Amino acid sequence: MKTDIKILHSSCCATGSPIKANIEKIAADNGKEVSITELSELQDTMVFGTMNFPSIVVNGKVYDYKKYFTEEKLLSIL
């Protein structure tokens, strides 16, 4: 089953951050299939109700990326 991931950036930060590459590598190394979308426009990110950036949304649940950036923690939510 493919995991839907959205990366939420603040509007001042460009998309194409190393976060996407990091998640893709961890997923590939562990046989996980992911679909990743990066969002940075205020109207797109505010829908998720967070003011912590960067954040990731995994299958609709919001996580503060700063707390889930390690491989072990990312795998636990993928």
N, C-alpha and C. Protein backbone atom coordinates (compact mmCIF):
# COMPACT_ATOMS: atom_id res chain seq x y z
N MET A 1 0.84 -1.18 0.00
CA MET A 1 0.00 0.00 0.00
C MET A 1 0.89 1.25 0.00
N LYS A 2 0.55 2.17 -0.87
CA LYS A 2 1.33 3.41 -1.00
C LYS A 2 0.97 4.37 0.13
N THR A 3 1.99 4.95 0.76
CA THR A 3 1.80 5.92 1.83
C THR A 3 1.78 7.32 1.22
N ASP A 4 0.74 8.09 1.53
CA ASP A 4 0.61 9.45 1.03
C ASP A 4 1.28 10.41 2.01
N ILE A 5 2.27 11.15 1.51
CA ILE A 5 3.04 12.08 2.35
C ILE A 5 2.99 13.47 1.74
N LYS A 6 2.74 14.44 2.60
CA LYS A 6 2.81 15.84 2.20
C LYS A 6 3.86 16.50 3.08
N ILE A 7 4.76 17.24 2.46
CA ILE A 7 5.77 17.98 3.20
C ILE A 7 5.31 19.43 3.23
N LEU A 8 5.15 19.97 4.43
CA LEU A 8 4.68 21.34 4.60
C LEU A 8 5.85 22.24 4.94
N HIS A 9 6.08 23.23 4.08
CA HIS A 9 7.15 24.21 4.29
C HIS A 9 6.51 25.55 4.57
N SER A 10 7.21 26.42 5.27
CA SER A 10 6.72 27.79 5.38
C SER A 10 6.92 28.46 4.02
N SER A 11 6.18 29.51 3.78
CA SER A 11 6.21 30.14 2.46
C SER A 11 7.57 30.73 2.11
N CYS A 12 8.41 30.99 3.11
CA CYS A 12 9.72 31.57 2.82
C CYS A 12 10.73 30.51 2.36
N CYS A 13 10.39 29.24 2.55
CA CYS A 13 11.33 28.16 2.21
C CYS A 13 10.90 27.50 0.91
N ALA A 14 11.84 27.31 0.04
CA ALA A 14 11.54 26.72 -1.25
C ALA A 14 11.27 25.23 -1.11
N THR A 15 10.47 24.72 -2.04
CA THR A 15 10.28 23.28 -2.10
C THR A 15 11.55 22.67 -2.68
N GLY A 16 11.63 21.37 -2.70
CA GLY A 16 12.84 20.72 -3.20
C GLY A 16 13.89 20.60 -2.11
N SER A 17 13.45 20.61 -0.87
CA SER A 17 14.37 20.51 0.25
C SER A 17 14.93 19.09 0.36
N PRO A 18 15.93 18.91 1.17
CA PRO A 18 16.48 17.56 1.37
C PRO A 18 15.52 16.63 2.10
N ILE A 19 14.44 17.14 2.64
CA ILE A 19 13.47 16.31 3.36
C ILE A 19 12.88 15.26 2.41
N LYS A 20 12.49 15.69 1.22
CA LYS A 20 11.90 14.76 0.25
C LYS A 20 12.88 13.66 -0.10
N ALA A 21 14.10 14.01 -0.40
CA ALA A 21 15.12 13.02 -0.74
C ALA A 21 15.37 12.06 0.41
N ASN A 22 15.38 12.58 1.63
CA ASN A 22 15.59 11.76 2.81
C ASN A 22 14.47 10.73 2.97
N ILE A 23 13.23 11.17 2.85
CA ILE A 23 12.09 10.27 2.99
C ILE A 23 12.10 9.23 1.86
N GLU A 24 12.37 9.68 0.64
CA GLU A 24 12.41 8.74 -0.50
C GLU A 24 13.47 7.67 -0.30
N LYS A 25 14.64 8.05 0.19
CA LYS A 25 15.72 7.10 0.41
C LYS A 25 15.35 6.09 1.49
N ILE A 26 14.83 6.58 2.61
CA ILE A 26 14.44 5.68 3.70
C ILE A 26 13.35 4.72 3.24
N ALA A 27 12.37 5.23 2.51
CA ALA A 27 11.29 4.38 2.02
C ALA A 27 11.84 3.31 1.07
N ALA A 28 12.68 3.72 0.12
CA ALA A 28 13.24 2.77 -0.85
C ALA A 28 14.11 1.72 -0.16
N ASP A 29 14.92 2.14 0.79
CA ASP A 29 15.80 1.21 1.51
C ASP A 29 15.02 0.18 2.31
N ASN A 30 13.77 0.50 2.63
CA ASN A 30 12.97 -0.38 3.48
C ASN A 30 11.75 -0.96 2.77
N GLY A 31 11.74 -0.86 1.45
CA GLY A 31 10.68 -1.47 0.65
C GLY A 31 9.31 -0.83 0.83
N LYS A 32 9.28 0.45 1.15
CA LYS A 32 8.01 1.17 1.33
C LYS A 32 7.73 1.99 0.07
N GLU A 33 6.49 2.01 -0.35
CA GLU A 33 6.09 2.81 -1.50
C GLU A 33 5.43 4.09 -1.00
N VAL A 34 5.93 5.23 -1.46
CA VAL A 34 5.41 6.52 -1.00
C VAL A 34 5.06 7.43 -2.18
N SER A 35 4.12 8.30 -1.92
CA SER A 35 3.75 9.37 -2.85
C SER A 35 3.95 10.67 -2.08
N ILE A 36 4.85 11.54 -2.57
CA ILE A 36 5.21 12.74 -1.83
C ILE A 36 4.82 14.00 -2.60
N THR A 37 4.16 14.91 -1.88
CA THR A 37 3.80 16.22 -2.42
C THR A 37 4.38 17.27 -1.48
N GLU A 38 4.97 18.32 -2.03
CA GLU A 38 5.50 19.41 -1.21
C GLU A 38 4.59 20.62 -1.35
N LEU A 39 4.24 21.21 -0.20
CA LEU A 39 3.36 22.37 -0.17
C LEU A 39 4.04 23.51 0.58
N SER A 40 3.96 24.72 0.03
CA SER A 40 4.55 25.87 0.73
C SER A 40 3.65 27.10 0.71
N GLU A 41 2.57 27.04 -0.04
CA GLU A 41 1.65 28.18 -0.06
C GLU A 41 0.81 28.18 1.21
N LEU A 42 0.63 29.33 1.82
CA LEU A 42 -0.06 29.46 3.09
C LEU A 42 -1.44 28.80 3.07
N GLN A 43 -2.21 29.04 2.02
CA GLN A 43 -3.57 28.48 1.97
C GLN A 43 -3.55 26.96 1.90
N ASP A 44 -2.47 26.37 1.38
CA ASP A 44 -2.35 24.92 1.31
C ASP A 44 -1.90 24.31 2.63
N THR A 45 -0.96 24.97 3.31
CA THR A 45 -0.43 24.42 4.55
C THR A 45 -1.36 24.62 5.74
N MET A 46 -2.11 25.71 5.76
CA MET A 46 -2.97 26.02 6.90
C MET A 46 -4.13 25.02 7.04
N VAL A 47 -4.48 24.35 5.98
CA VAL A 47 -5.53 23.34 6.01
C VAL A 47 -5.22 22.26 7.05
N PHE A 48 -3.95 22.04 7.31
CA PHE A 48 -3.53 20.98 8.22
C PHE A 48 -3.41 21.44 9.67
N GLY A 49 -3.64 22.73 9.94
CA GLY A 49 -3.72 23.24 11.30
C GLY A 49 -2.41 23.26 12.09
N THR A 50 -1.30 23.34 11.42
CA THR A 50 -0.02 23.40 12.13
C THR A 50 0.70 24.71 11.83
N MET A 51 1.45 25.16 12.80
CA MET A 51 2.30 26.33 12.61
C MET A 51 3.77 25.94 12.73
N ASN A 52 4.03 24.65 12.88
CA ASN A 52 5.40 24.15 12.95
C ASN A 52 5.86 23.73 11.57
N PHE A 53 6.91 24.35 11.10
CA PHE A 53 7.46 24.02 9.78
C PHE A 53 8.93 23.70 9.90
N PRO A 54 9.44 22.74 9.19
CA PRO A 54 8.68 21.86 8.30
C PRO A 54 7.90 20.81 9.09
N SER A 55 6.78 20.42 8.52
CA SER A 55 5.98 19.33 9.06
C SER A 55 5.73 18.34 7.93
N ILE A 56 5.39 17.13 8.32
CA ILE A 56 5.01 16.15 7.30
C ILE A 56 3.64 15.60 7.68
N VAL A 57 2.85 15.32 6.66
CA VAL A 57 1.53 14.74 6.84
C VAL A 57 1.60 13.35 6.23
N VAL A 58 1.38 12.34 7.07
CA VAL A 58 1.45 10.96 6.61
C VAL A 58 0.04 10.38 6.72
N ASN A 59 -0.53 10.07 5.55
CA ASN A 59 -1.91 9.55 5.49
C ASN A 59 -2.87 10.38 6.34
N GLY A 60 -2.73 11.71 6.25
CA GLY A 60 -3.65 12.62 6.91
C GLY A 60 -3.28 13.04 8.32
N LYS A 61 -2.26 12.44 8.91
CA LYS A 61 -1.85 12.80 10.28
C LYS A 61 -0.59 13.68 10.22
N VAL A 62 -0.60 14.79 10.97
CA VAL A 62 0.49 15.77 10.94
C VAL A 62 1.56 15.44 11.98
N TYR A 63 2.82 15.51 11.55
CA TYR A 63 3.98 15.29 12.42
C TYR A 63 4.96 16.44 12.26
N ASP A 64 5.55 16.87 13.35
CA ASP A 64 6.61 17.88 13.32
C ASP A 64 7.87 17.18 12.82
N TYR A 65 8.35 17.55 11.65
CA TYR A 65 9.50 16.87 11.06
C TYR A 65 10.73 16.91 11.96
N LYS A 66 10.87 17.97 12.73
CA LYS A 66 12.05 18.09 13.61
C LYS A 66 12.08 16.98 14.65
N LYS A 67 10.93 16.39 14.94
CA LYS A 67 10.85 15.30 15.92
C LYS A 67 10.90 13.92 15.24
N TYR A 68 10.76 13.89 13.92
CA TYR A 68 10.69 12.62 13.19
C TYR A 68 11.68 12.55 12.03
N PHE A 69 12.83 13.17 12.16
CA PHE A 69 13.76 13.21 11.03
C PHE A 69 14.69 12.01 10.96
N THR A 70 14.79 11.22 12.03
CA THR A 70 15.70 10.05 11.99
C THR A 70 15.03 8.91 11.24
N GLU A 71 15.85 8.02 10.71
CA GLU A 71 15.32 6.89 9.94
C GLU A 71 14.36 6.06 10.79
N GLU A 72 14.75 5.78 12.02
CA GLU A 72 13.92 4.96 12.90
C GLU A 72 12.53 5.58 13.12
N LYS A 73 12.51 6.87 13.40
CA LYS A 73 11.24 7.54 13.68
C LYS A 73 10.38 7.68 12.41
N LEU A 74 11.04 7.98 11.27
CA LEU A 74 10.28 8.06 10.03
C LEU A 74 9.67 6.72 9.66
N LEU A 75 10.43 5.66 9.83
CA LEU A 75 9.90 4.32 9.54
C LEU A 75 8.70 3.99 10.42
N SER A 76 8.70 4.46 11.65
CA SER A 76 7.59 4.16 12.56
C SER A 76 6.28 4.78 12.11
N ILE A 77 6.32 5.84 11.30
CA ILE A 77 5.09 6.47 10.83
C ILE A 77 4.79 6.19 9.36
N LEU A 78 5.72 5.56 8.66
CA LEU A 78 5.44 5.19 7.28
C LEU A 78 4.65 3.90 7.25
